[in-house]
């Protein structure tokens, strides 16, 4: 029980609104949650919202939008401001690496109540440490579901981003490479490290509706969101890629359901090779028959 009147009064009178810096601001959430847990702030008394300073194309998605409607009483505090509150002496809640990783991924999901869900589980865990080992806990199972969905989206982004060179952007003989992608969740920042490691010597940018990321050979820079028409047009090199894709397609090994499971249709519109899929699938049976007859 909190015995510090000054600290408890900061969270007991009204709702407390926590304003995070980004839709996927796990570090900010973690910082705020640490203070809120120390103050024993009840989950129902905490509202989470985030800024989207880079989202030019997307409307602001306030997690609760309640402050705009005037129904949430209380002022918004950033994690840094929350950290200034006097705290009672408490034992910090410690989590394993896998649990932290799961929470981090869950916070990349686009579910409006993801931060509230994660904080509720943390608050319950603080009261009952046995939850740490309860894999069937409903809150934890929901957190895992969000984390798996965001993790799958990161995996698909790694697989389906297609860079195109942009004429007129050459530096040291290399044109800048730009890709357009439409992630369902807030995973751009989480996925960017993969491209930095894979293409460290190439200037590239990935544009998405929510925000964009640019690698200048030294650091990753975030930029405002974009629209599909700001992505580069197909170039001559893309025709070579289509020729390669067509020549390596083996109709005898076609498993259409497995292919669509690994390459869902929602990604096809941004994949150059997708224009060939219907044609190749339609002709697969005939090509297989001819292969068997020769």
Protein backbone atom coordinates (compact mmCIF):
# COMPACT_ATOMS: atom_id res chain seq x y z
CA UNK A 1 0.00 0.00 0.00
CA UNK A 2 1.28 3.44 -0.85
CA UNK A 3 1.93 5.41 2.30
CA UNK A 4 3.24 8.54 0.64
CA UNK A 5 0.36 11.08 0.59
CA UNK A 6 2.10 13.37 -1.87
CA UNK A 7 2.79 10.69 -4.45
CA UNK A 8 -0.52 8.88 -4.12
CA UNK A 9 -2.45 12.11 -4.59
CA UNK A 10 -0.93 12.46 -8.05
CA UNK A 11 -2.82 9.45 -9.29
CA UNK A 12 -5.81 8.98 -7.07
CA UNK A 13 -7.94 12.08 -7.63
CA UNK A 14 -8.61 11.82 -11.35
CA UNK A 15 -7.72 9.98 -14.46
CA UNK A 16 -4.12 10.27 -15.38
CA UNK A 17 -3.40 10.66 -19.08
CA UNK A 18 -0.02 9.40 -20.27
CA UNK A 19 1.15 10.80 -23.57
CA UNK A 20 3.68 8.68 -25.43
CA UNK A 21 5.95 10.04 -28.14
CA UNK A 22 5.02 7.53 -30.85
CA UNK A 23 2.37 4.88 -31.56
CA UNK A 24 5.02 2.23 -30.85
CA UNK A 25 6.80 4.03 -28.01
CA UNK A 26 7.60 1.00 -25.88
CA UNK A 27 10.48 2.70 -24.10
CA UNK A 28 8.17 5.53 -23.06
CA UNK A 29 5.50 3.05 -22.00
CA UNK A 30 8.04 1.11 -19.96
CA UNK A 31 9.30 4.28 -18.29
CA UNK A 32 5.77 5.41 -17.45
CA UNK A 33 4.65 1.97 -16.30
CA UNK A 34 7.58 1.76 -13.88
CA UNK A 35 6.43 4.98 -12.19
CA UNK A 36 2.75 4.08 -12.26
CA UNK A 37 3.44 0.70 -10.69
CA UNK A 38 5.51 2.35 -7.99
CA UNK A 39 2.54 4.64 -7.30
CA UNK A 40 0.16 1.66 -7.47
CA UNK A 41 -1.96 3.49 -10.04
CA UNK A 42 -5.00 1.40 -10.86
CA UNK A 43 -5.24 0.50 -14.56
CA UNK A 44 -8.76 1.92 -14.86
CA UNK A 45 -7.44 5.29 -13.67
CA UNK A 46 -4.82 5.54 -16.41
CA UNK A 47 -5.45 6.63 -19.98
CA UNK A 48 -2.83 6.14 -22.68
CA UNK A 49 -2.46 8.19 -25.80
CA UNK A 50 0.33 8.92 -28.22
CA UNK A 51 1.54 11.62 -30.57
CA UNK A 52 1.99 11.03 -34.27
CA UNK A 53 4.26 13.88 -35.28
CA UNK A 54 5.29 12.11 -38.48
CA UNK A 55 1.86 10.98 -39.64
CA UNK A 56 0.93 13.41 -42.38
CA UNK A 57 -1.32 10.99 -44.18
CA UNK A 58 -3.04 9.41 -41.24
CA UNK A 59 -5.43 11.27 -38.94
CA UNK A 60 -4.44 11.41 -35.31
CA UNK A 61 -5.45 8.19 -33.63
CA UNK A 62 -5.76 9.09 -30.00
CA UNK A 63 -6.07 5.81 -28.15
CA UNK A 64 -9.11 7.00 -26.30
CA UNK A 65 -9.76 10.41 -27.84
CA UNK A 66 -11.55 11.05 -24.60
CA UNK A 67 -9.60 14.16 -23.78
CA UNK A 68 -10.70 15.67 -27.09
CA UNK A 69 -14.29 14.93 -26.20
CA UNK A 70 -13.75 16.33 -22.76
CA UNK A 71 -14.66 13.17 -20.92
CA UNK A 72 -11.26 12.46 -19.46
CA UNK A 73 -10.37 14.57 -16.51
CA UNK A 74 -6.75 15.19 -15.84
CA UNK A 75 -3.74 16.48 -17.62
CA UNK A 76 -1.52 14.58 -20.00
CA UNK A 77 1.92 13.70 -18.73
CA UNK A 78 4.83 12.46 -20.74
CA UNK A 79 6.90 9.60 -19.32
CA UNK A 80 9.67 12.11 -18.54
CA UNK A 81 7.27 14.34 -16.60
CA UNK A 82 5.84 11.34 -14.80
CA UNK A 83 9.35 10.38 -13.79
CA UNK A 84 9.60 13.61 -11.79
CA UNK A 85 6.91 12.52 -9.33
CA UNK A 86 8.17 11.56 -5.89
CA UNK A 87 8.00 7.82 -5.52
CA UNK A 88 7.61 5.64 -2.47
CA UNK A 89 10.32 3.03 -1.92
CA UNK A 90 9.25 -0.09 -3.78
CA UNK A 91 10.77 -3.18 -5.30
CA UNK A 92 10.88 -2.80 -9.10
CA UNK A 93 9.00 -5.38 -11.11
CA UNK A 94 11.43 -7.55 -13.03
CA UNK A 95 10.57 -9.40 -16.23
CA UNK A 96 12.38 -11.95 -18.33
CA UNK A 97 13.81 -11.09 -21.73
CA UNK A 98 11.13 -13.05 -23.56
CA UNK A 99 8.34 -11.27 -21.65
CA UNK A 100 9.88 -7.88 -22.39
CA UNK A 101 10.22 -8.82 -26.04
CA UNK A 102 6.59 -9.91 -26.18
CA UNK A 103 5.42 -6.67 -24.57
CA UNK A 104 7.56 -4.63 -26.96
CA UNK A 105 6.05 -6.34 -29.99
CA UNK A 106 2.53 -6.09 -28.58
CA UNK A 107 2.98 -2.32 -28.31
CA UNK A 108 3.61 -2.24 -32.10
CA UNK A 109 0.13 -3.65 -32.79
CA UNK A 110 -2.53 -1.25 -34.00
CA UNK A 111 -5.08 -2.27 -31.36
CA UNK A 112 -6.30 0.90 -29.67
CA UNK A 113 -6.08 -0.51 -26.15
CA UNK A 114 -2.68 -2.19 -26.41
CA UNK A 115 -0.94 0.02 -23.85
CA UNK A 116 -3.84 -0.29 -21.40
CA UNK A 117 -3.81 -4.07 -21.81
CA UNK A 118 -0.06 -4.32 -21.19
CA UNK A 119 -0.24 -2.05 -18.16
CA UNK A 120 -3.18 -3.99 -16.72
CA UNK A 121 -1.19 -7.21 -16.93
CA UNK A 122 1.84 -5.57 -15.32
CA UNK A 123 -0.30 -4.17 -12.51
CA UNK A 124 -1.86 -7.59 -11.88
CA UNK A 125 1.58 -9.19 -12.00
CA UNK A 126 2.85 -6.79 -9.38
CA UNK A 127 0.05 -7.93 -7.06
CA UNK A 128 0.36 -11.61 -7.86
CA UNK A 129 3.79 -12.79 -9.03
CA UNK A 130 2.37 -16.21 -9.87
CA UNK A 131 1.02 -14.63 -13.06
CA UNK A 132 4.57 -14.62 -14.36
CA UNK A 133 4.25 -18.35 -15.00
CA UNK A 134 0.58 -18.42 -15.99
CA UNK A 135 0.67 -18.92 -19.75
CA UNK A 136 -3.12 -19.27 -19.84
CA UNK A 137 -3.87 -15.92 -18.24
CA UNK A 138 -6.34 -14.16 -20.53
CA UNK A 139 -4.50 -10.82 -20.53
CA UNK A 140 -1.17 -12.47 -21.28
CA UNK A 141 -2.67 -14.59 -24.05
CA UNK A 142 -4.08 -11.44 -25.64
CA UNK A 143 -0.68 -9.72 -25.32
CA UNK A 144 0.93 -12.73 -27.00
CA UNK A 145 -1.66 -12.60 -29.79
CA UNK A 146 -0.83 -8.95 -30.48
CA UNK A 147 2.90 -9.67 -30.34
CA UNK A 148 2.63 -12.54 -32.80
CA UNK A 149 0.62 -10.44 -35.24
CA UNK A 150 3.15 -7.60 -35.07
CA UNK A 151 6.03 -10.07 -35.37
CA UNK A 152 4.47 -11.60 -38.48
CA UNK A 153 4.09 -8.13 -39.96
CA UNK A 154 7.79 -7.42 -39.36
CA UNK A 155 8.67 -10.73 -41.03
CA UNK A 156 6.48 -9.90 -44.04
CA UNK A 157 8.03 -6.46 -44.26
CA UNK A 158 11.50 -7.97 -44.36
CA UNK A 159 10.37 -10.31 -47.14
CA UNK A 160 8.21 -8.03 -49.27
CA UNK A 161 9.91 -4.63 -49.31
CA UNK A 162 11.07 -3.94 -52.87
CA UNK A 163 13.52 -1.08 -53.43
CA UNK A 164 13.62 0.86 -56.67
CA UNK A 165 16.40 3.28 -57.72
CA UNK A 166 15.43 6.92 -58.04
CA UNK A 167 16.99 8.71 -61.03
CA UNK A 168 18.69 11.99 -60.20
CA UNK A 169 19.64 10.99 -56.66
CA UNK A 170 23.06 9.55 -57.51
CA UNK A 171 25.88 10.03 -55.02
CA UNK A 172 29.22 8.32 -55.49
CA UNK A 173 27.73 6.62 -58.53
CA UNK A 174 24.82 5.06 -56.65
CA UNK A 175 21.21 6.10 -56.90
CA UNK A 176 19.11 6.18 -53.78
CA UNK A 177 16.78 3.19 -53.39
CA UNK A 178 13.23 3.80 -52.23
CA UNK A 179 10.51 1.31 -51.34
CA UNK A 180 6.82 1.72 -50.58
CA UNK A 181 5.15 -0.48 -47.97
CA UNK A 182 1.82 -0.43 -46.14
CA UNK A 183 2.21 -2.17 -42.79
CA UNK A 184 -0.92 -3.05 -40.89
CA UNK A 185 0.77 -2.37 -37.57
CA UNK A 186 3.31 0.18 -36.28
CA UNK A 187 6.34 -1.92 -37.14
CA UNK A 188 8.49 0.32 -39.36
CA UNK A 189 10.94 1.26 -36.63
CA UNK A 190 11.12 -2.30 -35.34
CA UNK A 191 11.78 -3.63 -38.85
CA UNK A 192 14.30 -1.00 -39.96
CA UNK A 193 17.33 -2.49 -38.24
CA UNK A 194 17.16 -5.50 -40.53
CA UNK A 195 17.55 -3.30 -43.64
CA UNK A 196 20.34 -1.27 -42.04
CA UNK A 197 22.31 -4.45 -41.42
CA UNK A 198 21.53 -5.91 -44.82
CA UNK A 199 22.21 -2.79 -46.90
CA UNK A 200 24.76 -0.80 -44.87
CA UNK A 201 26.46 0.63 -48.00
CA UNK A 202 23.31 1.65 -49.84
CA UNK A 203 21.30 4.81 -49.31
CA UNK A 204 17.70 3.74 -48.99
CA UNK A 205 14.33 4.89 -47.70
CA UNK A 206 11.14 3.04 -46.88
CA UNK A 207 7.96 5.06 -47.24
CA UNK A 208 4.78 4.13 -45.38
CA UNK A 209 1.53 6.02 -44.72
CA UNK A 210 2.39 6.47 -41.03
CA UNK A 211 6.02 7.55 -41.28
CA UNK A 212 9.14 6.91 -43.31
CA UNK A 213 12.68 5.89 -42.50
CA UNK A 214 15.87 6.91 -44.32
CA UNK A 215 19.34 5.37 -44.09
CA UNK A 216 22.08 7.91 -44.96
CA UNK A 217 24.94 5.39 -44.56
CA UNK A 218 25.48 6.54 -40.99
CA UNK A 219 22.16 6.59 -39.17
CA UNK A 220 18.47 5.86 -39.49
CA UNK A 221 16.39 9.01 -39.78
CA UNK A 222 12.62 9.17 -39.38
CA UNK A 223 10.57 11.31 -41.71
CA UNK A 224 6.86 12.07 -42.24
CA UNK A 225 4.51 9.56 -43.82
CA UNK A 226 3.99 9.40 -47.57
CA UNK A 227 1.53 8.30 -50.21
CA UNK A 228 1.93 5.56 -52.79
CA UNK A 229 2.29 8.07 -55.63
CA UNK A 230 5.45 9.42 -53.97
CA UNK A 231 7.18 6.07 -54.46
CA UNK A 232 9.34 5.65 -57.59
CA UNK A 233 7.92 4.13 -60.77
CA UNK A 234 9.07 0.72 -62.09
CA UNK A 235 12.40 0.87 -63.91
CA UNK A 236 14.22 -1.28 -66.47
CA UNK A 237 15.80 -3.34 -63.72
CA UNK A 238 12.37 -4.44 -62.62
CA UNK A 239 11.76 -6.10 -65.97
CA UNK A 240 14.88 -8.16 -65.41
CA UNK A 241 13.52 -9.19 -62.03
CA UNK A 242 10.22 -10.27 -63.65
CA UNK A 243 12.12 -12.27 -66.26
CA UNK A 244 14.10 -13.98 -63.50
CA UNK A 245 10.94 -14.69 -61.48
CA UNK A 246 9.21 -16.18 -64.55
CA UNK A 247 12.21 -18.34 -65.46
CA UNK A 248 12.62 -19.76 -61.95
CA UNK A 249 8.92 -20.53 -61.44
CA UNK A 250 8.50 -24.33 -61.30
CA UNK A 251 4.87 -25.26 -62.06
CA UNK A 252 5.36 -28.82 -60.78
CA UNK A 253 6.12 -27.47 -57.30
CA UNK A 254 3.21 -25.05 -57.16
CA UNK A 255 1.21 -25.19 -53.92
CA UNK A 256 -1.23 -22.37 -54.32
CA UNK A 257 -2.68 -22.39 -50.81
CA UNK A 258 0.76 -22.48 -49.21
CA UNK A 259 1.90 -19.66 -51.50
CA UNK A 260 -1.04 -17.46 -50.52
CA UNK A 261 -0.47 -18.29 -46.87
CA UNK A 262 3.15 -17.10 -47.11
CA UNK A 263 2.36 -14.27 -49.51
CA UNK A 264 -1.11 -12.96 -48.57
CA UNK A 265 -2.97 -11.09 -51.29
CA UNK A 266 -2.92 -7.83 -49.33
CA UNK A 267 0.78 -7.50 -50.18
CA UNK A 268 0.44 -8.27 -53.89
CA UNK A 269 -0.34 -4.73 -55.00
CA UNK A 270 3.15 -3.59 -53.98
CA UNK A 271 5.06 -6.62 -55.26
CA UNK A 272 6.33 -6.29 -58.85
CA UNK A 273 6.33 -10.06 -59.36
CA UNK A 274 2.69 -10.31 -58.29
CA UNK A 275 1.55 -9.26 -61.78
CA UNK A 276 2.81 -12.64 -62.99
CA UNK A 277 1.23 -14.82 -60.32
CA UNK A 278 -2.22 -15.25 -61.88
CA UNK A 279 -0.73 -15.99 -65.31
CA UNK A 280 1.81 -18.48 -63.95
CA UNK A 281 -0.73 -20.23 -61.73
CA UNK A 282 -3.26 -20.46 -64.55
CA UNK A 283 -0.70 -22.09 -66.83
CA UNK A 284 0.91 -24.31 -64.22
CA UNK A 285 -1.18 -27.43 -64.86
CA UNK A 286 -0.63 -27.32 -68.61
CA UNK A 287 3.11 -26.77 -68.20
CA UNK A 288 3.32 -29.66 -65.74
CA UNK A 289 1.53 -31.97 -68.19
CA UNK A 290 3.93 -31.00 -70.96
CA UNK A 291 6.89 -31.60 -68.63
CA UNK A 292 5.59 -35.13 -67.88
CA UNK A 293 5.14 -35.92 -71.55
CA UNK A 294 8.67 -34.99 -72.55
